Amino acid sequence: MSTKVVTGKVRGSYVNVFRSRINDMNGKDEFSMALLVPKSDKTTVSKINDAVKTAAAKKFGDKLPAKFRHPLRDGDEERPEDPAYKDHYFLNVKSEYRPGIVDKERQDVIDSSEFISGDYCRVSLNAYAYDVSGNRGAALGLGNIQVLGKGEPLTSNARAEDDFDDWDDDGDDWG
């Protein structure tokens, strides 16, 4: 079994893949995002679980440590107030290296507005196990991203064109 996974169609949330940011927990510059995996996508869920199991076996052998932290979490249980997480699993992925980002035709995506929180994608991931300061579990590293299409933005930021109506300059004299 492999620790590498290429997801099916997932949704990006908290997308930070064009410029690195400092991770407050470890002080490192990182690229990151959360992936929303539909619970109905049994193939992707199975691939993630198999990769986590393989990574954990390499690190811990046949017996998982008590309180093993699994990266795939239930959106209905942990984020019941957020409709985007309903009927989805989610996982946080990160990398110290900028992911390659391509469109459906595998052409480079350079403009950060072409992939934002809420958009749909496929992602390559690599599962690894960790044992750090008493925390034991598995995580998935962010590999590359294939942008599949626009989704409803998952931000509270309104679009500028929605905040304003057309401006008529007639009659306004500032001077």
Protein backbone atom coordinates (compact mmCIF):
# COMPACT_ATOMS: atom_id res chain seq x y z
CA MET A 1 0.00 0.00 0.00
CA SER A 2 1.06 3.55 -0.67
CA THR A 3 1.00 6.62 1.51
CA LYS A 4 0.28 8.80 -1.56
CA VAL A 5 -3.32 9.77 -2.31
CA VAL A 6 -4.92 11.67 -5.16
CA THR A 7 -8.38 12.74 -4.08
CA GLY A 8 -11.55 12.84 -6.08
CA LYS A 9 -13.42 16.14 -6.34
CA VAL A 10 -13.08 17.99 -3.03
CA ARG A 11 -13.65 21.56 -1.92
CA GLY A 12 -10.94 23.87 -0.65
CA SER A 13 -11.40 25.89 2.52
CA TYR A 14 -9.00 28.28 4.25
CA VAL A 15 -7.01 28.22 1.01
CA ASN A 16 -3.48 29.54 1.46
CA VAL A 17 -1.53 28.03 -1.42
CA PHE A 18 -0.10 30.95 -3.40
CA ARG A 19 1.98 32.58 -0.64
CA SER A 20 3.31 30.99 2.51
CA ARG A 21 2.27 32.15 5.96
CA ILE A 22 3.87 31.70 9.34
CA ASN A 23 2.33 28.81 11.28
CA ASP A 24 1.79 30.17 14.80
CA MET A 25 2.26 26.71 16.31
CA ASN A 26 5.70 25.93 14.86
CA GLY A 27 6.98 29.26 13.52
CA LYS A 28 7.53 27.85 10.00
CA ASP A 29 6.46 29.37 6.70
CA GLU A 30 3.81 27.05 5.25
CA PHE A 31 1.27 26.65 2.48
CA SER A 32 -2.00 25.16 3.70
CA MET A 33 -5.68 24.50 3.19
CA ALA A 34 -8.53 22.44 4.54
CA LEU A 35 -10.18 19.88 2.28
CA LEU A 36 -13.90 19.16 2.46
CA VAL A 37 -14.45 15.58 1.33
CA PRO A 38 -18.06 14.57 0.65
CA LYS A 39 -19.03 11.60 2.79
CA SER A 40 -20.57 10.13 -0.36
CA ASP A 41 -17.09 9.91 -1.98
CA LYS A 42 -16.30 6.47 -0.58
CA THR A 43 -13.31 6.06 -2.92
CA THR A 44 -11.45 9.14 -1.63
CA VAL A 45 -12.32 8.35 1.99
CA SER A 46 -11.04 4.79 1.54
CA LYS A 47 -7.80 5.99 -0.13
CA ILE A 48 -7.15 8.43 2.74
CA ASN A 49 -7.86 5.79 5.39
CA ASP A 50 -5.62 3.24 3.64
CA ALA A 51 -2.74 5.74 3.32
CA VAL A 52 -3.08 6.72 7.00
CA LYS A 53 -3.10 3.05 8.01
CA THR A 54 0.05 2.40 5.95
CA ALA A 55 1.88 5.43 7.36
CA ALA A 56 0.87 4.52 10.93
CA ALA A 57 2.04 0.91 10.48
CA LYS A 58 5.44 2.12 9.23
CA LYS A 59 5.86 4.31 12.30
CA PHE A 60 4.10 2.37 15.08
CA GLY A 61 3.86 -1.23 13.86
CA ASP A 62 0.65 -3.23 14.22
CA LYS A 63 -0.62 -1.51 17.36
CA LEU A 64 -1.75 2.11 17.20
CA PRO A 65 -0.92 4.28 20.20
CA ALA A 66 -3.68 5.26 22.61
CA LYS A 67 -5.35 8.54 21.56
CA PHE A 68 -4.03 8.19 17.99
CA ARG A 69 -4.97 11.33 16.06
CA HIS A 70 -6.56 10.57 12.69
CA PRO A 71 -6.45 13.46 10.18
CA LEU A 72 -9.92 12.81 8.69
CA ARG A 73 -12.53 14.49 10.89
CA ASP A 74 -16.33 14.56 10.76
CA GLY A 75 -17.72 17.95 9.75
CA ASP A 76 -21.21 17.12 11.07
CA GLU A 77 -19.78 16.46 14.55
CA GLU A 78 -17.04 19.10 14.78
CA ARG A 79 -18.56 21.96 12.76
CA PRO A 80 -22.35 21.53 13.03
CA GLU A 81 -22.91 25.29 12.75
CA ASP A 82 -21.14 25.54 9.36
CA PRO A 83 -23.32 24.48 6.40
CA ALA A 84 -20.25 23.98 4.16
CA TYR A 85 -19.10 21.12 6.43
CA LYS A 86 -22.49 19.34 6.46
CA ASP A 87 -22.24 15.80 5.07
CA HIS A 88 -18.46 16.17 4.69
CA TYR A 89 -15.30 14.94 6.30
CA PHE A 90 -12.52 17.48 6.50
CA LEU A 91 -8.77 17.45 6.92
CA ASN A 92 -6.08 20.09 7.17
CA VAL A 93 -3.09 19.76 4.88
CA LYS A 94 0.11 21.77 4.71
CA SER A 95 3.56 21.91 3.19
CA GLU A 96 6.70 23.98 3.52
CA TYR A 97 6.85 23.99 -0.31
CA ARG A 98 4.48 25.78 -2.68
CA PRO A 99 2.22 23.25 -4.37
CA GLY A 100 2.02 23.03 -8.12
CA ILE A 101 -1.40 24.32 -9.15
CA VAL A 102 -2.94 23.46 -12.52
CA ASP A 103 -6.37 23.71 -14.16
CA LYS A 104 -8.44 20.91 -15.74
CA GLU A 105 -6.16 20.92 -18.80
CA ARG A 106 -3.06 20.81 -16.54
CA GLN A 107 -2.06 24.40 -17.39
CA ASP A 108 -0.42 26.40 -14.58
CA VAL A 109 -2.71 28.51 -12.42
CA ILE A 110 -0.79 31.63 -11.44
CA ASP A 111 -3.52 34.12 -10.49
CA SER A 112 -4.57 33.63 -6.85
CA SER A 113 -8.15 34.69 -7.69
CA GLU A 114 -8.49 31.54 -9.81
CA PHE A 115 -8.49 29.30 -6.74
CA ILE A 116 -10.05 30.52 -3.50
CA SER A 117 -11.86 29.03 -0.50
CA GLY A 118 -15.01 27.35 -1.79
CA ASP A 119 -13.61 26.25 -5.14
CA TYR A 120 -13.42 22.60 -6.22
CA CYS A 121 -10.22 20.69 -6.85
CA ARG A 122 -8.32 17.43 -6.72
CA VAL A 123 -5.28 17.24 -4.48
CA SER A 124 -2.27 14.94 -4.21
CA LEU A 125 -1.38 14.14 -0.62
CA ASN A 126 1.21 12.13 1.25
CA ALA A 127 0.32 10.50 4.56
CA TYR A 128 2.87 10.40 7.36
CA ALA A 129 2.76 9.44 11.02
CA TYR A 130 4.19 11.53 13.84
CA ASP A 131 5.18 11.19 17.49
CA VAL A 132 5.89 14.68 18.84
CA SER A 133 5.71 15.85 22.46
CA GLY A 134 3.30 13.10 23.43
CA ASN A 135 1.05 13.67 20.41
CA ARG A 136 0.81 10.64 18.18
CA GLY A 137 -1.09 10.34 14.98
CA ALA A 138 -1.03 10.80 11.24
CA ALA A 139 -1.33 13.77 8.93
CA LEU A 140 -1.43 14.38 5.22
CA GLY A 141 1.09 16.62 3.52
CA LEU A 142 -0.07 18.92 0.73
CA GLY A 143 1.29 17.92 -2.68
CA ASN A 144 -0.20 19.44 -5.83
CA ILE A 145 -3.60 20.86 -6.75
CA GLN A 146 -5.76 20.55 -9.84
CA VAL A 147 -8.45 23.26 -9.92
CA LEU A 148 -11.74 21.82 -11.22
CA GLY A 149 -14.16 24.72 -10.92
CA LYS A 150 -15.53 27.66 -9.02
CA GLY A 151 -17.70 27.15 -5.96
CA GLU A 152 -19.62 29.47 -3.69
CA PRO A 153 -16.90 31.44 -1.84
CA LEU A 154 -16.40 30.36 1.77
CA THR A 155 -15.54 33.81 3.09
CA SER A 156 -17.41 36.55 4.83
CA ASN A 157 -15.85 39.06 2.44
CA ALA A 158 -18.45 40.56 0.15
CA ARG A 159 -17.56 41.10 -3.49
CA ALA A 160 -16.99 44.77 -4.35
CA GLU A 161 -19.59 44.64 -7.15
CA ASP A 162 -22.18 43.46 -4.61
CA ASP A 163 -21.44 46.23 -2.09
CA PHE A 164 -22.04 49.13 -4.49
CA ASP A 165 -24.55 50.24 -7.07
CA ASP A 166 -23.69 52.25 -10.19
CA TRP A 167 -22.46 55.75 -9.45
CA ASP A 168 -24.02 58.73 -11.18
CA ASP A 169 -21.77 61.81 -11.06
CA ASP A 170 -24.50 64.27 -12.13
CA GLY A 171 -24.92 67.12 -9.70
CA ASP A 172 -22.06 66.25 -7.36
CA ASP A 173 -19.74 69.20 -7.04
CA TRP A 174 -16.85 68.76 -4.64
CA GLY A 175 -15.08 72.03 -5.35
